[in-house]
Amino acid sequence: MNPAFSVIFLTTLIGAAQGLFLALFTGQMFTHFKLMPEQSDPTFYIIGSFIAVVLLGLGLLSSMFHLGRPERAWRAATQWRTSWLSREVIVLPAVMAGISAYGVAHYFDLTYALFETPGGTGINATIIVGLITTVLTYALFVCTGMIYACMRFLQEWHSPLTVINFTLLGTASGFTLAALLSAWLTTELTDFYVTWAITFTVLAFIFRLASVIRNKKITPKSDLRSAIGVRHPGVVQITQGFLGGSFNTREFFHGATQSFVRNIKYIFFILLFFAPLVLLTLSLDNSGYSVLLVTVLIQYLGLLAERWYFFADANHPQNLYYQNMA
């Protein structure tokens, strides 16, 4: 497939925003139940929520550049019964609203207990909003991943690994961003976030490697004979389906060489997994935030490369006829 950079920025930015919110709420839960030092200053949650909403907004804005008629974008939500894209269009604003409400609840310090659990732990408004938004956040991960995983004719995408990788990669980048924010604001949660960022980065590496191995072993369901409806065993393609460019040749094939695509794969494994793991480990012994800032930048570059490879790696069946050359 031909990677659209608007969609690349959309999926990576909203994934990092979702992961950042999950990190914020996870940190709050650990401190609320006395599993970590208490974080009484709400500034961390307020700024973190603001950054998450901004990233979601930037992702939504970037997606507009992929639309031929942006003024009709609202129609994308009308097919929610059958379309994962429509469901994403509905859930994304809901997540933005939930994270905004979460930040506002902290801003107004709505931390007084509304009721108590049987164990005597008070449950306040920020926790209730956080729980609802967490459900919406995971729903958004599923919707975004299923847009691609539901396409049976694209065998590289049609796998549960697609949804898992979208979720883990977004969560890993979000926790890394939370570690940077925590270090910048000098909270007590920096090492906590770094540890979880390492954990999620390792998990993301394992599942992304599994998908690369799986895709390498795929046997195409179509061949040149089925592409043109001719069953003769001696069919040989000597030219493309078109003498000039067309929608088919532009939209469904990236046009890059196999060596370029292969190099992008190596690059994203280094930038997205190996380099961040080294830097995150180093940051455990570093009280500043400079190492984490470099980590966030490198990991996001790796995310961009990974998402480009994700799209380029999918081989549309129509390319059997329109792209292959003898």
Protein backbone atom coordinates (compact mmCIF):
# COMPACT_ATOMS: atom_id res chain seq x y z
CA MET A 1 0.00 0.00 0.00
CA ASN A 2 1.00 3.63 -0.45
CA PRO A 3 1.52 5.15 3.02
CA ALA A 4 -0.40 8.40 3.48
CA PHE A 5 1.55 10.65 5.83
CA SER A 6 -1.65 12.22 7.15
CA VAL A 7 -2.77 8.80 8.39
CA ILE A 8 0.72 8.04 9.72
CA PHE A 9 0.64 11.20 11.85
CA LEU A 10 -2.97 10.52 12.88
CA THR A 11 -2.32 7.02 14.20
CA THR A 12 0.99 7.80 15.90
CA LEU A 13 -0.15 11.03 17.56
CA ILE A 14 -3.44 9.69 18.90
CA GLY A 15 -1.70 6.48 20.00
CA ALA A 16 0.84 8.45 22.06
CA ALA A 17 -1.98 10.60 23.48
CA GLN A 18 -3.95 7.53 24.53
CA GLY A 19 -0.87 6.00 26.10
CA LEU A 20 -0.14 9.25 27.95
CA PHE A 21 -3.61 9.32 29.46
CA LEU A 22 -3.36 5.68 30.50
CA ALA A 23 -0.04 6.52 32.16
CA LEU A 24 -1.58 9.47 34.02
CA PHE A 25 -4.48 7.43 35.31
CA THR A 26 -2.29 4.44 36.18
CA GLY A 27 -0.02 6.70 38.21
CA GLN A 28 -3.02 8.18 40.01
CA MET A 29 -4.37 4.73 40.86
CA PHE A 30 -1.05 3.57 42.26
CA THR A 31 -0.74 6.66 44.44
CA HIS A 32 -4.41 6.65 45.43
CA PHE A 33 -4.17 3.10 46.76
CA LYS A 34 -0.88 3.89 48.54
CA LEU A 35 1.24 1.71 46.26
CA MET A 36 3.42 4.71 45.36
CA PRO A 37 4.29 8.01 47.07
CA GLU A 38 1.24 10.28 47.07
CA GLN A 39 1.13 12.89 44.29
CA SER A 40 -0.77 15.76 45.91
CA ASP A 41 0.06 18.42 43.29
CA PRO A 42 -2.53 18.18 40.47
CA THR A 43 -0.30 20.09 38.03
CA PHE A 44 1.12 16.87 36.62
CA TYR A 45 -2.32 15.52 35.72
CA ILE A 46 -3.55 18.87 34.41
CA ILE A 47 -0.58 19.43 32.08
CA GLY A 48 -0.53 15.78 31.05
CA SER A 49 -4.22 15.89 30.14
CA PHE A 50 -3.68 19.09 28.16
CA ILE A 51 -0.81 17.53 26.19
CA ALA A 52 -2.88 14.42 25.47
CA VAL A 53 -5.80 16.50 24.15
CA VAL A 54 -3.43 18.57 22.00
CA LEU A 55 -1.90 15.42 20.50
CA LEU A 56 -5.37 14.02 19.79
CA GLY A 57 -6.36 17.31 18.18
CA LEU A 58 -3.22 17.39 16.03
CA GLY A 59 -3.87 13.81 14.94
CA LEU A 60 -7.45 14.65 14.04
CA LEU A 61 -6.29 17.74 12.14
CA SER A 62 -3.69 15.77 10.19
CA SER A 63 -6.34 13.27 9.10
CA MET A 64 -8.17 16.07 7.29
CA PHE A 65 -5.38 16.26 4.73
CA HIS A 66 -6.29 12.74 3.60
CA LEU A 67 -9.84 13.75 2.70
CA GLY A 68 -10.84 14.86 -0.75
CA ARG A 69 -13.85 16.78 0.63
CA PRO A 70 -13.10 17.71 4.28
CA GLU A 71 -16.43 19.52 4.61
CA ARG A 72 -18.13 16.13 4.31
CA ALA A 73 -16.04 14.49 7.02
CA TRP A 74 -19.06 14.30 9.35
CA ARG A 75 -20.61 11.71 7.06
CA ALA A 76 -17.91 9.25 8.11
CA ALA A 77 -19.79 8.71 11.37
CA THR A 78 -23.04 7.63 9.73
CA GLN A 79 -21.98 4.04 9.03
CA TRP A 80 -21.16 3.10 12.62
CA ARG A 81 -23.14 -0.15 12.42
CA THR A 82 -20.74 -1.70 9.90
CA SER A 83 -17.64 0.50 9.68
CA TRP A 84 -14.75 0.56 12.13
CA LEU A 85 -13.73 3.92 10.68
CA SER A 86 -17.11 5.36 11.61
CA ARG A 87 -16.74 3.96 15.12
CA GLU A 88 -13.30 5.56 15.40
CA VAL A 89 -14.74 8.89 14.26
CA ILE A 90 -17.31 8.66 17.08
CA VAL A 91 -15.01 7.38 19.84
CA LEU A 92 -12.12 9.80 19.17
CA PRO A 93 -14.04 12.96 20.18
CA ALA A 94 -15.44 11.05 23.16
CA VAL A 95 -11.89 10.28 24.30
CA MET A 96 -10.93 13.94 23.86
CA ALA A 97 -13.92 14.97 25.95
CA GLY A 98 -13.10 12.37 28.62
CA ILE A 99 -9.46 13.43 28.94
CA SER A 100 -10.51 17.09 29.01
CA ALA A 101 -12.98 16.33 31.80
CA TYR A 102 -10.27 14.41 33.65
CA GLY A 103 -7.92 17.40 33.48
CA VAL A 104 -10.68 19.83 34.48
CA ALA A 105 -11.62 17.65 37.47
CA HIS A 106 -8.02 17.84 38.68
CA TYR A 107 -7.88 21.57 37.97
CA PHE A 108 -10.86 22.19 40.24
CA ASP A 109 -9.45 19.68 42.75
CA LEU A 110 -12.50 17.43 42.73
CA THR A 111 -10.69 14.88 44.86
CA TYR A 112 -13.13 14.66 47.77
CA ALA A 113 -14.69 11.22 48.18
CA LEU A 114 -18.12 10.78 46.64
CA PHE A 115 -18.44 7.33 48.20
CA GLU A 116 -16.20 4.65 49.69
CA THR A 117 -15.37 1.11 48.68
CA PRO A 118 -15.98 -1.75 51.14
CA GLY A 119 -12.32 -1.48 52.04
CA GLY A 120 -12.75 2.16 53.04
CA THR A 121 -11.00 3.74 50.04
CA GLY A 122 -12.67 6.94 48.86
CA ILE A 123 -13.70 7.21 45.21
CA ASN A 124 -13.74 10.75 43.83
CA ALA A 125 -14.80 12.40 40.58
CA THR A 126 -11.35 12.16 38.95
CA ILE A 127 -11.33 8.39 39.41
CA ILE A 128 -14.82 7.96 37.98
CA VAL A 129 -14.00 10.12 34.95
CA GLY A 130 -10.68 8.33 34.58
CA LEU A 131 -12.30 4.88 34.59
CA ILE A 132 -14.83 5.89 31.93
CA THR A 133 -12.14 7.48 29.78
CA THR A 134 -9.91 4.42 30.14
CA VAL A 135 -12.68 2.26 28.65
CA LEU A 136 -13.09 4.77 25.81
CA THR A 137 -9.32 4.84 25.25
CA TYR A 138 -9.09 1.08 24.80
CA ALA A 139 -12.18 1.21 22.58
CA LEU A 140 -10.35 3.74 20.38
CA PHE A 141 -7.31 1.46 20.17
CA VAL A 142 -9.57 -1.37 19.03
CA CYS A 143 -11.41 0.80 16.49
CA THR A 144 -8.19 2.16 14.98
CA GLY A 145 -6.57 -1.26 14.75
CA MET A 146 -9.67 -2.96 13.38
CA ILE A 147 -9.88 -0.49 10.50
CA TYR A 148 -6.92 -2.41 9.08
CA ALA A 149 -7.30 -5.82 10.74
CA CYS A 150 -10.79 -6.32 9.28
CA MET A 151 -9.51 -6.23 5.67
CA ARG A 152 -9.34 -9.91 4.73
CA PHE A 153 -7.79 -9.26 1.32
CA LEU A 154 -4.76 -7.58 2.93
CA GLN A 155 -3.24 -10.60 4.60
CA GLU A 156 -0.47 -8.63 6.32
CA TRP A 157 -3.08 -6.65 8.26
CA HIS A 158 -5.75 -9.29 8.79
CA SER A 159 -4.51 -10.50 12.16
CA PRO A 160 -5.16 -9.85 15.89
CA LEU A 161 -1.53 -8.71 16.01
CA THR A 162 -2.55 -5.50 14.24
CA VAL A 163 -4.80 -4.39 17.11
CA ILE A 164 -2.31 -5.60 19.72
CA ASN A 165 0.55 -3.69 18.11
CA PHE A 166 -1.44 -0.46 17.80
CA THR A 167 -2.31 -0.74 21.50
CA LEU A 168 1.16 -1.63 22.76
CA LEU A 169 3.04 0.86 20.61
CA GLY A 170 0.73 3.68 21.64
CA THR A 171 0.93 2.69 25.30
CA ALA A 172 4.74 2.41 25.24
CA SER A 173 5.18 5.84 23.64
CA GLY A 174 2.65 7.35 26.04
CA PHE A 175 4.40 6.02 29.13
CA THR A 176 7.73 7.31 27.81
CA LEU A 177 6.14 10.72 27.35
CA ALA A 178 4.71 10.53 30.88
CA ALA A 179 8.19 9.75 32.22
CA LEU A 180 9.53 12.87 30.50
CA LEU A 181 6.71 15.01 31.90
CA SER A 182 7.25 13.57 35.37
CA ALA A 183 10.98 14.27 35.24
CA TRP A 184 10.37 17.79 33.95
CA LEU A 185 7.95 18.53 36.81
CA THR A 186 10.21 16.65 39.27
CA THR A 187 7.48 14.38 40.62
CA GLU A 188 8.06 11.17 42.53
CA LEU A 189 6.71 9.01 39.70
CA THR A 190 9.54 9.27 37.17
CA ASP A 191 11.17 5.91 37.85
CA PHE A 192 7.71 4.33 38.01
CA TYR A 193 6.90 5.55 34.51
CA VAL A 194 10.34 4.67 33.16
CA THR A 195 9.96 1.11 34.45
CA TRP A 196 6.56 0.73 32.83
CA ALA A 197 7.81 2.36 29.62
CA ILE A 198 10.57 -0.25 29.45
CA THR A 199 8.04 -3.02 30.08
CA PHE A 200 5.64 -1.87 27.38
CA THR A 201 8.46 -1.24 24.91
CA VAL A 202 9.70 -4.80 25.39
CA LEU A 203 6.17 -6.18 24.96
CA ALA A 204 5.66 -4.04 21.85
CA PHE A 205 8.95 -5.33 20.42
CA ILE A 206 7.93 -8.96 20.97
CA PHE A 207 4.55 -8.59 19.27
CA ARG A 208 5.83 -6.38 16.45
CA LEU A 209 8.59 -8.88 15.74
CA ALA A 210 5.96 -11.63 15.73
CA SER A 211 3.94 -9.75 13.11
CA VAL A 212 7.03 -9.20 10.92
CA ILE A 213 7.84 -12.92 11.08
CA ARG A 214 4.21 -13.84 10.36
CA ASN A 215 4.01 -11.53 7.35
CA LYS A 216 7.25 -12.91 5.94
CA LYS A 217 5.74 -16.40 5.91
CA ILE A 218 2.44 -15.44 4.27
CA THR A 219 1.48 -17.36 1.14
CA PRO A 220 -0.55 -15.07 -1.15
CA LYS A 221 -4.08 -16.30 -1.86
CA SER A 222 -3.99 -14.73 -5.33
CA ASP A 223 -1.52 -15.05 -8.18
CA LEU A 224 -1.11 -13.63 -11.66
CA ARG A 225 -3.53 -16.14 -13.15
CA SER A 226 -6.34 -15.38 -10.71
CA ALA A 227 -5.69 -11.65 -11.12
CA ILE A 228 -6.71 -11.73 -14.79
CA GLY A 229 -8.97 -14.78 -14.72
CA VAL A 230 -6.77 -16.94 -16.94
CA ARG A 231 -5.82 -20.42 -15.65
CA HIS A 232 -3.15 -21.25 -18.19
CA PRO A 233 0.04 -22.29 -16.33
CA GLY A 234 2.29 -20.34 -18.69
CA VAL A 235 0.95 -16.81 -18.06
CA VAL A 236 3.80 -14.28 -17.93
CA GLN A 237 3.44 -10.54 -17.27
CA ILE A 238 5.52 -8.35 -19.56
CA THR A 239 4.21 -4.90 -18.57
CA GLN A 240 2.03 -3.07 -16.08
CA GLY A 241 -1.70 -2.83 -16.52
CA PHE A 242 -1.37 0.84 -17.48
CA LEU A 243 1.12 2.58 -19.74
CA GLY A 244 0.75 5.74 -17.63
CA GLY A 245 -0.06 6.55 -14.02
CA SER A 246 -3.52 6.06 -12.55
CA PHE A 247 -5.34 5.85 -9.23
CA ASN A 248 -4.45 2.17 -9.07
CA THR A 249 -0.72 2.71 -9.55
CA ARG A 250 -0.57 5.64 -7.11
CA GLU A 251 -2.84 4.58 -4.26
CA PHE A 252 -2.09 0.90 -3.76
CA PHE A 253 1.69 0.75 -4.19
CA HIS A 254 4.39 2.74 -2.42
CA GLY A 255 6.80 2.81 -5.35
CA ALA A 256 9.89 2.25 -3.18
CA THR A 257 12.47 -0.44 -3.83
CA GLN A 258 12.55 -3.62 -1.77
CA SER A 259 15.93 -2.62 -0.31
CA PHE A 260 14.48 0.72 0.86
CA VAL A 261 11.53 -0.99 2.54
CA ARG A 262 13.87 -3.50 4.17
CA ASN A 263 16.10 -0.70 5.50
CA ILE A 264 13.08 1.11 6.95
CA LYS A 265 12.28 -2.08 8.87
CA TYR A 266 15.76 -2.14 10.41
CA ILE A 267 15.60 1.58 11.16
CA PHE A 268 12.30 1.43 13.02
CA PHE A 269 13.43 -1.53 15.13
CA ILE A 270 16.48 0.49 16.21
CA LEU A 271 14.72 3.82 16.78
CA LEU A 272 11.50 2.46 18.26
CA PHE A 273 12.81 -0.34 20.47
CA PHE A 274 16.56 -0.76 20.91
CA ALA A 275 17.67 2.87 21.33
CA PRO A 276 14.77 3.82 23.66
CA LEU A 277 15.39 0.77 25.83
CA VAL A 278 19.02 1.77 26.30
CA LEU A 279 18.12 5.40 27.00
CA LEU A 280 15.28 4.51 29.37
CA THR A 281 17.61 2.28 31.34
CA LEU A 282 20.17 5.09 31.55
CA SER A 283 17.51 7.54 32.71
CA LEU A 284 16.93 5.46 35.86
CA ASP A 285 20.28 6.75 37.14
CA ASN A 286 19.80 10.28 35.82
CA SER A 287 17.81 12.85 37.79
CA GLY A 288 17.38 15.20 34.81
CA TYR A 289 14.97 15.04 31.92
CA SER A 290 17.39 15.55 29.00
CA VAL A 291 17.86 11.81 28.43
CA LEU A 292 14.11 11.25 28.46
CA LEU A 293 13.59 14.14 26.03
CA VAL A 294 15.97 12.50 23.57
CA THR A 295 14.20 9.17 24.17
CA VAL A 296 10.78 10.62 23.32
CA LEU A 297 12.08 12.22 20.11
CA ILE A 298 13.90 9.09 18.95
CA GLN A 299 10.99 6.82 19.79
CA TYR A 300 8.55 8.99 17.90
CA LEU A 301 10.80 8.96 14.83
CA GLY A 302 10.79 5.19 15.18
CA LEU A 303 6.98 5.23 15.38
CA LEU A 304 6.79 7.20 12.13
CA ALA A 305 9.12 4.72 10.42
CA GLU A 306 7.19 1.75 11.85
CA ARG A 307 3.87 3.09 10.67
CA TRP A 308 5.25 3.80 7.18
CA TYR A 309 6.50 0.23 7.04
CA PHE A 310 3.15 -1.06 8.33
CA PHE A 311 1.37 0.46 5.35
CA ALA A 312 4.08 -0.31 2.79
CA ASP A 313 4.30 -3.92 3.93
CA ALA A 314 0.66 -4.59 2.97
CA ASN A 315 0.53 -5.97 -0.58
CA HIS A 316 -2.80 -5.19 -2.24
CA PRO A 317 -3.91 -8.05 -4.55
CA GLN A 318 -4.46 -5.58 -7.40
CA ASN A 319 -0.70 -5.03 -7.52
CA LEU A 320 -0.38 -8.44 -9.18
CA TYR A 321 -1.79 -6.82 -12.29
CA TYR A 322 -1.00 -3.12 -12.00
CA GLN A 323 2.48 -3.01 -10.46
CA ASN A 324 4.54 -6.12 -11.14
CA MET A 325 6.85 -5.85 -14.12
CA ALA A 326 8.74 -8.60 -15.93
